Amino acid sequence: MSDDFDFADKENNIIYETESRGFNPGLIVLLVVGGLLLTFLVGNYVLYLYAQKTLPPRKKKPISKKKMKRERLKQGVSAPGE
């Protein structure tokens, strides 16, 4: 009976020694790609804010007289000289 107890005791007290293998390579790739993407997006946002503050507003293209005439006719206002 004592032999059975000793055998069971030895079986339950197995110590597993595992080596630390470092980071998972897939995790490293994911972190690098995610970090680059995040840096790109944050950089673009910062540049956008900087451009909004420093650049002058865009100048609109001048509208041709022909287009102005068409727009006035669409609105029902007669063009001058007609």
N, C-alpha and C. Protein backbone atom coordinates (compact mmCIF):
# COMPACT_ATOMS: atom_id res chain seq x y z
N MET A 1 0.82 -1.19 0.00
CA MET A 1 0.00 0.00 0.00
C MET A 1 0.86 1.25 0.00
N SER A 2 1.94 1.21 0.73
CA SER A 2 2.81 2.38 0.77
C SER A 2 3.49 2.60 -0.57
N ASP A 3 3.72 1.51 -1.34
CA ASP A 3 4.33 1.68 -2.67
C ASP A 3 3.39 2.42 -3.60
N ASP A 4 2.11 2.13 -3.53
CA ASP A 4 1.14 2.83 -4.36
C ASP A 4 1.09 4.31 -4.02
N PHE A 5 1.17 4.64 -2.75
CA PHE A 5 1.12 6.03 -2.31
C PHE A 5 2.36 6.78 -2.79
N ASP A 6 3.53 6.15 -2.67
CA ASP A 6 4.76 6.78 -3.12
C ASP A 6 4.73 7.05 -4.63
N PHE A 7 4.22 6.08 -5.38
CA PHE A 7 4.16 6.23 -6.83
C PHE A 7 3.22 7.38 -7.22
N ALA A 8 2.05 7.47 -6.58
CA ALA A 8 1.10 8.54 -6.87
C ALA A 8 1.67 9.88 -6.45
N ASP A 9 2.39 9.92 -5.35
CA ASP A 9 2.98 11.16 -4.87
C ASP A 9 4.02 11.68 -5.86
N LYS A 10 4.83 10.76 -6.39
CA LYS A 10 5.86 11.15 -7.35
C LYS A 10 5.21 11.67 -8.64
N GLU A 11 4.11 11.04 -9.04
CA GLU A 11 3.47 11.41 -10.29
C GLU A 11 2.85 12.81 -10.20
N ASN A 12 2.31 13.18 -9.05
CA ASN A 12 1.65 14.47 -8.91
C ASN A 12 2.63 15.62 -8.70
N ASN A 13 3.83 15.34 -8.35
CA ASN A 13 4.80 16.39 -8.06
C ASN A 13 5.78 16.62 -9.20
N ILE A 14 5.36 16.40 -10.43
CA ILE A 14 6.25 16.64 -11.57
C ILE A 14 6.36 18.15 -11.78
N ILE A 15 7.56 18.61 -11.90
CA ILE A 15 7.81 20.04 -12.14
C ILE A 15 8.22 20.20 -13.58
N TYR A 16 7.48 20.98 -14.30
CA TYR A 16 7.80 21.23 -15.70
C TYR A 16 8.68 22.47 -15.78
N GLU A 17 9.82 22.30 -16.43
CA GLU A 17 10.73 23.44 -16.62
C GLU A 17 10.59 23.91 -18.06
N THR A 18 10.12 25.12 -18.22
CA THR A 18 9.97 25.67 -19.57
C THR A 18 10.90 26.85 -19.71
N GLU A 19 11.51 26.93 -20.89
CA GLU A 19 12.41 28.06 -21.16
C GLU A 19 11.58 29.22 -21.68
N SER A 20 11.97 30.42 -21.32
CA SER A 20 11.29 31.58 -21.88
C SER A 20 11.87 31.81 -23.27
N ARG A 21 11.00 31.81 -24.28
CA ARG A 21 11.47 31.91 -25.66
C ARG A 21 11.37 33.32 -26.20
N GLY A 22 11.04 34.30 -25.39
CA GLY A 22 10.91 35.67 -25.85
C GLY A 22 9.54 35.92 -26.42
N PHE A 23 9.42 36.97 -27.23
CA PHE A 23 8.13 37.34 -27.79
C PHE A 23 7.77 36.45 -28.97
N ASN A 24 6.50 36.35 -29.20
CA ASN A 24 6.00 35.65 -30.37
C ASN A 24 6.34 36.50 -31.61
N PRO A 25 6.94 35.93 -32.66
CA PRO A 25 7.30 36.73 -33.85
C PRO A 25 6.09 37.42 -34.49
N GLY A 26 4.94 36.76 -34.48
CA GLY A 26 3.74 37.38 -35.04
C GLY A 26 3.35 38.62 -34.27
N LEU A 27 3.54 38.58 -32.95
CA LEU A 27 3.22 39.74 -32.12
C LEU A 27 4.16 40.90 -32.43
N ILE A 28 5.41 40.60 -32.65
CA ILE A 28 6.39 41.65 -32.98
C ILE A 28 6.02 42.32 -34.29
N VAL A 29 5.68 41.52 -35.31
CA VAL A 29 5.30 42.08 -36.61
C VAL A 29 4.05 42.94 -36.46
N LEU A 30 3.08 42.44 -35.71
CA LEU A 30 1.85 43.19 -35.50
C LEU A 30 2.12 44.52 -34.80
N LEU A 31 2.98 44.51 -33.80
CA LEU A 31 3.29 45.75 -33.08
C LEU A 31 4.03 46.74 -33.98
N VAL A 32 4.97 46.25 -34.80
CA VAL A 32 5.72 47.15 -35.69
C VAL A 32 4.80 47.77 -36.74
N VAL A 33 3.98 46.93 -37.38
CA VAL A 33 3.07 47.45 -38.42
C VAL A 33 2.05 48.39 -37.80
N GLY A 34 1.49 48.02 -36.65
CA GLY A 34 0.53 48.88 -35.98
C GLY A 34 1.16 50.20 -35.56
N GLY A 35 2.40 50.15 -35.08
CA GLY A 35 3.09 51.38 -34.68
C GLY A 35 3.34 52.29 -35.87
N LEU A 36 3.75 51.70 -36.99
CA LEU A 36 3.99 52.52 -38.19
C LEU A 36 2.69 53.15 -38.69
N LEU A 37 1.62 52.38 -38.70
CA LEU A 37 0.33 52.90 -39.15
C LEU A 37 -0.15 54.02 -38.24
N LEU A 38 -0.02 53.83 -36.95
CA LEU A 38 -0.44 54.85 -35.99
C LEU A 38 0.40 56.11 -36.15
N THR A 39 1.71 55.95 -36.33
CA THR A 39 2.59 57.10 -36.55
C THR A 39 2.20 57.86 -37.81
N PHE A 40 1.90 57.12 -38.87
CA PHE A 40 1.50 57.75 -40.14
C PHE A 40 0.22 58.57 -39.96
N LEU A 41 -0.78 57.98 -39.31
CA LEU A 41 -2.05 58.68 -39.14
C LEU A 41 -1.92 59.90 -38.24
N VAL A 42 -1.19 59.77 -37.15
CA VAL A 42 -1.00 60.91 -36.24
C VAL A 42 -0.20 62.01 -36.93
N GLY A 43 0.82 61.62 -37.69
CA GLY A 43 1.63 62.60 -38.43
C GLY A 43 0.80 63.36 -39.45
N ASN A 44 -0.06 62.65 -40.17
CA ASN A 44 -0.92 63.33 -41.14
C ASN A 44 -1.87 64.30 -40.46
N TYR A 45 -2.41 63.91 -39.33
CA TYR A 45 -3.33 64.79 -38.60
C TYR A 45 -2.61 66.05 -38.11
N VAL A 46 -1.40 65.88 -37.61
CA VAL A 46 -0.62 67.03 -37.13
C VAL A 46 -0.30 67.97 -38.30
N LEU A 47 0.10 67.40 -39.43
CA LEU A 47 0.39 68.23 -40.60
C LEU A 47 -0.87 68.96 -41.08
N TYR A 48 -2.01 68.28 -41.03
CA TYR A 48 -3.27 68.91 -41.43
C TYR A 48 -3.59 70.10 -40.54
N LEU A 49 -3.44 69.92 -39.23
CA LEU A 49 -3.71 71.03 -38.31
C LEU A 49 -2.74 72.18 -38.54
N TYR A 50 -1.47 71.87 -38.76
CA TYR A 50 -0.46 72.90 -39.02
C TYR A 50 -0.80 73.67 -40.30
N ALA A 51 -1.21 72.93 -41.35
CA ALA A 51 -1.55 73.58 -42.62
C ALA A 51 -2.78 74.47 -42.47
N GLN A 52 -3.74 74.04 -41.68
CA GLN A 52 -4.94 74.85 -41.48
C GLN A 52 -4.59 76.19 -40.83
N LYS A 53 -3.63 76.19 -39.94
CA LYS A 53 -3.28 77.42 -39.23
C LYS A 53 -2.39 78.33 -40.07
N THR A 54 -1.49 77.77 -40.86
CA THR A 54 -0.46 78.59 -41.50
C THR A 54 -0.75 78.94 -42.95
N LEU A 55 -1.38 78.04 -43.71
CA LEU A 55 -1.59 78.33 -45.13
C LEU A 55 -2.76 79.28 -45.33
N PRO A 56 -2.67 80.19 -46.30
CA PRO A 56 -3.82 81.07 -46.57
C PRO A 56 -4.94 80.26 -47.23
N PRO A 57 -6.17 80.75 -47.13
CA PRO A 57 -7.27 80.01 -47.77
C PRO A 57 -7.11 80.00 -49.29
N ARG A 58 -7.63 78.95 -49.91
CA ARG A 58 -7.53 78.84 -51.37
C ARG A 58 -8.34 79.93 -52.06
N LYS A 59 -7.78 80.39 -53.18
CA LYS A 59 -8.52 81.36 -53.99
C LYS A 59 -9.43 80.59 -54.93
N LYS A 60 -10.66 81.07 -55.07
CA LYS A 60 -11.60 80.42 -55.96
C LYS A 60 -11.29 80.82 -57.39
N LYS A 61 -11.58 79.90 -58.30
CA LYS A 61 -11.38 80.21 -59.72
C LYS A 61 -12.38 81.28 -60.14
N PRO A 62 -11.95 82.21 -60.98
CA PRO A 62 -12.92 83.19 -61.48
C PRO A 62 -13.94 82.52 -62.40
N ILE A 63 -15.21 82.93 -62.27
CA ILE A 63 -16.27 82.36 -63.08
C ILE A 63 -16.36 83.16 -64.38
N SER A 64 -16.45 82.44 -65.47
CA SER A 64 -16.53 83.13 -66.77
C SER A 64 -17.88 83.84 -66.92
N LYS A 65 -17.90 84.85 -67.78
CA LYS A 65 -19.12 85.62 -67.99
C LYS A 65 -20.23 84.74 -68.56
N LYS A 66 -19.85 83.78 -69.38
CA LYS A 66 -20.82 82.87 -69.99
C LYS A 66 -21.54 82.06 -68.90
N LYS A 67 -20.77 81.54 -67.94
CA LYS A 67 -21.35 80.75 -66.85
C LYS A 67 -22.22 81.62 -65.96
N MET A 68 -21.78 82.85 -65.71
CA MET A 68 -22.58 83.75 -64.88
C MET A 68 -23.93 84.03 -65.55
N LYS A 69 -23.91 84.20 -66.87
CA LYS A 69 -25.12 84.45 -67.63
C LYS A 69 -26.08 83.27 -67.51
N ARG A 70 -25.53 82.05 -67.67
CA ARG A 70 -26.35 80.84 -67.55
C ARG A 70 -26.98 80.72 -66.17
N GLU A 71 -26.19 80.99 -65.12
CA GLU A 71 -26.69 80.89 -63.75
C GLU A 71 -27.82 81.88 -63.51
N ARG A 72 -27.67 83.09 -64.01
CA ARG A 72 -28.72 84.11 -63.84
C ARG A 72 -29.99 83.71 -64.55
N LEU A 73 -29.84 83.12 -65.75
CA LEU A 73 -31.02 82.68 -66.49
C LEU A 73 -31.73 81.55 -65.75
N LYS A 74 -30.97 80.66 -65.14
CA LYS A 74 -31.56 79.55 -64.37
C LYS A 74 -32.36 80.09 -63.19
N GLN A 75 -31.84 81.16 -62.57
CA GLN A 75 -32.52 81.72 -61.39
C GLN A 75 -33.69 82.60 -61.78
N GLY A 76 -33.79 82.92 -63.05
CA GLY A 76 -34.92 83.73 -63.48
C GLY A 76 -34.61 85.21 -63.54
N VAL A 77 -33.38 85.59 -63.27
CA VAL A 77 -33.00 87.01 -63.34
C VAL A 77 -32.44 87.24 -64.73
N SER A 78 -32.95 88.25 -65.40
CA SER A 78 -32.46 88.51 -66.75
C SER A 78 -31.08 89.15 -66.69
N ALA A 79 -30.23 88.75 -67.59
CA ALA A 79 -28.88 89.30 -67.61
C ALA A 79 -28.94 90.74 -68.08
N PRO A 80 -28.04 91.59 -67.56
CA PRO A 80 -28.06 92.99 -67.99
C PRO A 80 -27.74 93.12 -69.48
N GLY A 81 -28.45 94.04 -70.14
CA GLY A 81 -28.22 94.23 -71.58
C GLY A 81 -29.10 93.37 -72.44
N GLU A 82 -30.02 92.59 -71.82
CA GLU A 82 -30.88 91.74 -72.63
C GLU A 82 -32.32 92.17 -72.47
